[in-house]
Amino acid sequence: MSAASITGRTRLYGIIGDPIAQVRSPEVYTRKFADAGIDAVLVPMHIEASEIDAVLPALLRLKNLDGLLVTSPFKTRALAIADEVHSRGRRIGAVNALRRDDEGRWHADMFDGEGFVRGLFAKGHDVKAKRALVLGCGGAGAAIAVSLADAGVAHITLCDIDRAKSATTCPSARSSSNTAVNG
């Protein structure tokens, strides 16, 4: 996509994080938008962690912004600012996607764990009755633990340098399954 193809009607999607230089999704999704004939771009937005409480509410007021992907360290903050949060996001305590509806309300959800488990299935890996070790219990790690439990993993061990994160993720992973979880 070239700058010449961006107009006043172009819809904006952003991906926010600190740092943000490592993300590849803007290249992928902007190309997919163009290939599908959709007048939209996905823009990386580097927001300093100390500025998120001021910047995120202002960003969500942009009338041509239709959605945000959320990466570290903003997944819990994005949950707090959403008008509606899917039960999966509430259970995990973090979200990685915000979408504006036709009334201007922001809906949040978490797809990290579901994407991880679908990737395992796509490669022919069955997780039912298996054991899993999840290293890191931030937003993505917690989402992966919950999705593995929902997919039928028998036992999950959670490890995080911050033991409190492991402790808060354990009940979330246990809440809708018979999975044994420790951390």
Protein backbone atom coordinates (compact mmCIF):
# COMPACT_ATOMS: atom_id res chain seq x y z
CA MET A 1 0.00 0.00 0.00
CA SER A 2 1.36 3.41 -0.90
CA ALA A 3 0.72 6.72 0.85
CA ALA A 4 -1.11 7.89 -2.29
CA SER A 5 -3.86 5.33 -1.66
CA ILE A 6 -4.68 6.69 1.82
CA THR A 7 -7.59 9.13 1.62
CA GLY A 8 -9.92 10.96 3.98
CA ARG A 9 -12.22 7.93 3.82
CA THR A 10 -9.53 5.40 4.82
CA ARG A 11 -10.50 3.54 7.98
CA LEU A 12 -7.83 3.24 10.63
CA TYR A 13 -6.87 0.30 12.76
CA GLY A 14 -3.97 0.49 15.16
CA ILE A 15 -1.72 -1.78 17.12
CA ILE A 16 -0.52 -0.28 20.39
CA GLY A 17 2.41 -1.34 22.51
CA ASP A 18 5.65 -0.34 24.19
CA PRO A 19 7.82 -1.20 22.30
CA ILE A 20 6.13 -1.64 18.92
CA ALA A 21 8.95 -1.89 16.33
CA GLN A 22 8.87 -5.73 16.47
CA VAL A 23 5.29 -6.14 15.21
CA ARG A 24 4.63 -7.58 11.75
CA SER A 25 0.84 -7.35 11.68
CA PRO A 26 0.69 -3.89 10.02
CA GLU A 27 2.40 -5.26 6.90
CA VAL A 28 0.23 -8.36 6.81
CA TYR A 29 -3.16 -6.79 7.48
CA THR A 30 -2.69 -3.64 5.43
CA ARG A 31 -1.86 -5.87 2.46
CA LYS A 32 -4.89 -8.08 3.19
CA PHE A 33 -7.13 -4.99 3.33
CA ALA A 34 -5.81 -3.81 -0.04
CA ASP A 35 -6.16 -7.27 -1.63
CA ALA A 36 -9.78 -7.42 -0.43
CA GLY A 37 -10.54 -3.91 -1.73
CA ILE A 38 -11.03 -2.53 1.79
CA ASP A 39 -9.98 1.10 2.25
CA ALA A 40 -8.19 0.60 5.59
CA VAL A 41 -4.72 0.47 7.12
CA LEU A 42 -3.25 -1.01 10.29
CA VAL A 43 -0.82 1.45 11.88
CA PRO A 44 1.74 0.66 14.61
CA MET A 45 1.40 3.13 17.50
CA HIS A 46 4.21 3.33 20.04
CA ILE A 47 2.79 4.65 23.29
CA GLU A 48 5.07 5.07 26.29
CA ALA A 49 3.75 2.95 29.16
CA SER A 50 3.66 6.01 31.42
CA GLU A 51 1.38 7.82 28.93
CA ILE A 52 -1.24 5.13 28.28
CA ASP A 53 -3.85 6.54 30.67
CA ALA A 54 -3.83 9.86 28.82
CA VAL A 55 -3.30 8.60 25.26
CA LEU A 56 -5.68 5.61 25.02
CA PRO A 57 -8.92 7.47 25.87
CA ALA A 58 -7.98 10.22 23.39
CA LEU A 59 -7.13 7.67 20.70
CA LEU A 60 -10.52 5.96 21.09
CA ARG A 61 -12.24 9.27 20.29
CA LEU A 62 -10.84 9.32 16.74
CA LYS A 63 -13.91 9.00 14.50
CA ASN A 64 -12.10 7.07 11.75
CA LEU A 65 -10.51 4.53 14.14
CA ASP A 66 -12.44 1.25 13.94
CA GLY A 67 -10.27 -1.03 16.04
CA LEU A 68 -7.08 -1.63 17.98
CA LEU A 69 -4.86 -4.62 18.49
CA VAL A 70 -3.24 -4.47 21.90
CA THR A 71 0.16 -5.82 22.85
CA SER A 72 2.39 -5.60 25.89
CA PRO A 73 2.10 -3.89 28.34
CA PHE A 74 -1.44 -2.58 27.72
CA LYS A 75 -3.71 -5.64 27.73
CA THR A 76 -5.14 -5.08 31.22
CA ARG A 77 -5.53 -1.33 30.65
CA ALA A 78 -7.45 -1.97 27.41
CA LEU A 79 -9.85 -4.22 29.32
CA ALA A 80 -10.53 -1.44 31.81
CA ILE A 81 -11.40 1.16 29.16
CA ALA A 82 -13.73 -0.98 27.01
CA ASP A 83 -17.49 -0.43 27.13
CA GLU A 84 -18.19 -4.15 26.75
CA VAL A 85 -15.82 -7.04 27.48
CA HIS A 86 -16.37 -10.59 26.21
CA SER A 87 -16.56 -13.17 29.01
CA ARG A 88 -13.22 -14.65 27.86
CA GLY A 89 -11.48 -11.31 28.39
CA ARG A 90 -13.09 -10.84 31.81
CA ARG A 91 -12.05 -14.36 32.84
CA ILE A 92 -8.45 -13.79 31.75
CA GLY A 93 -8.28 -10.23 33.05
CA ALA A 94 -6.80 -8.87 29.82
CA VAL A 95 -7.74 -8.24 26.18
CA ASN A 96 -5.81 -7.92 22.93
CA ALA A 97 -8.47 -6.49 20.62
CA LEU A 98 -10.84 -3.53 20.74
CA ARG A 99 -13.57 -3.01 18.13
CA ARG A 100 -15.90 -0.03 17.73
CA ASP A 101 -19.55 -0.85 16.96
CA ASP A 102 -21.99 1.25 14.91
CA GLU A 103 -23.05 3.18 18.03
CA GLY A 104 -19.45 4.08 18.87
CA ARG A 105 -19.12 1.69 21.81
CA TRP A 106 -15.86 -0.23 22.24
CA HIS A 107 -15.98 -4.03 22.57
CA ALA A 108 -12.97 -5.98 23.84
CA ASP A 109 -11.90 -9.61 23.60
CA MET A 110 -8.81 -11.78 23.97
CA PHE A 111 -7.68 -14.03 21.12
CA ASP A 112 -4.08 -14.92 22.07
CA GLY A 113 -4.94 -18.24 23.70
CA GLU A 114 -7.53 -19.29 21.14
CA GLY A 115 -5.06 -18.53 18.34
CA PHE A 116 -2.35 -20.56 20.06
CA VAL A 117 -4.60 -23.61 20.52
CA ARG A 118 -5.96 -23.39 16.97
CA GLY A 119 -2.36 -23.32 15.75
CA LEU A 120 -1.62 -26.53 17.65
CA PHE A 121 -4.71 -28.20 16.18
CA ALA A 122 -3.81 -27.01 12.66
CA LYS A 123 -0.42 -28.72 13.01
CA GLY A 124 -2.09 -31.96 14.10
CA HIS A 125 -1.38 -31.72 17.84
CA ASP A 126 -4.05 -33.03 20.18
CA VAL A 127 -3.92 -31.44 23.64
CA LYS A 128 -6.64 -33.46 25.33
CA ALA A 129 -5.38 -35.21 28.47
CA LYS A 130 -1.85 -33.82 27.95
CA ARG A 131 0.36 -31.83 30.32
CA ALA A 132 1.43 -28.26 29.57
CA LEU A 133 3.99 -25.84 30.95
CA VAL A 134 3.18 -22.15 30.45
CA LEU A 135 6.11 -19.79 30.98
CA GLY A 136 4.90 -16.26 31.71
CA CYS A 137 1.47 -15.37 33.05
CA GLY A 138 0.96 -11.93 31.56
CA GLY A 139 -1.97 -11.32 29.22
CA ALA A 140 -0.87 -13.77 26.50
CA GLY A 141 0.33 -16.45 28.94
CA ALA A 142 -2.90 -16.29 30.94
CA ALA A 143 -4.92 -16.50 27.72
CA ILE A 144 -2.94 -19.54 26.57
CA ALA A 145 -3.41 -21.27 29.94
CA VAL A 146 -7.18 -20.68 29.90
CA SER A 147 -7.53 -21.85 26.28
CA LEU A 148 -5.45 -24.97 26.93
CA ALA A 149 -7.68 -25.79 29.91
CA ASP A 150 -10.80 -25.23 27.81
CA ALA A 151 -9.34 -27.55 25.13
CA GLY A 152 -9.02 -30.39 27.64
CA VAL A 153 -5.40 -30.32 28.82
CA ALA A 154 -5.19 -32.52 31.93
CA HIS A 155 -2.56 -30.56 33.86
CA ILE A 156 -1.02 -27.11 33.49
CA THR A 157 2.01 -25.84 35.37
CA LEU A 158 2.31 -22.05 35.37
CA CYS A 159 5.64 -20.29 35.88
CA ASP A 160 6.21 -16.56 36.09
CA ILE A 161 9.00 -14.52 37.59
CA ASP A 162 6.20 -12.69 39.42
CA ARG A 163 4.64 -15.45 41.55
CA ALA A 164 1.51 -13.34 42.10
CA LYS A 165 0.73 -13.55 38.36
CA SER A 166 0.89 -17.35 38.48
CA ALA A 167 -1.39 -17.36 41.52
CA THR A 168 -4.03 -15.15 39.87
CA THR A 169 -3.94 -17.13 36.61
CA CYS A 170 -4.55 -20.50 38.34
CA PRO A 171 -8.24 -19.91 39.20
CA SER A 172 -8.95 -18.53 35.72
CA ALA A 173 -7.54 -21.64 34.06
CA ARG A 174 -9.47 -23.92 36.43
CA SER A 175 -12.82 -22.15 36.30
CA SER A 176 -14.50 -23.97 33.40
CA SER A 177 -12.62 -27.23 33.17
CA ASN A 178 -11.41 -30.23 35.10
CA THR A 179 -7.81 -29.26 34.43
CA ALA A 180 -5.39 -29.46 37.35
CA VAL A 181 -3.47 -26.18 37.53
CA ASN A 182 -0.58 -25.24 39.74
CA GLY A 183 1.82 -22.35 39.70
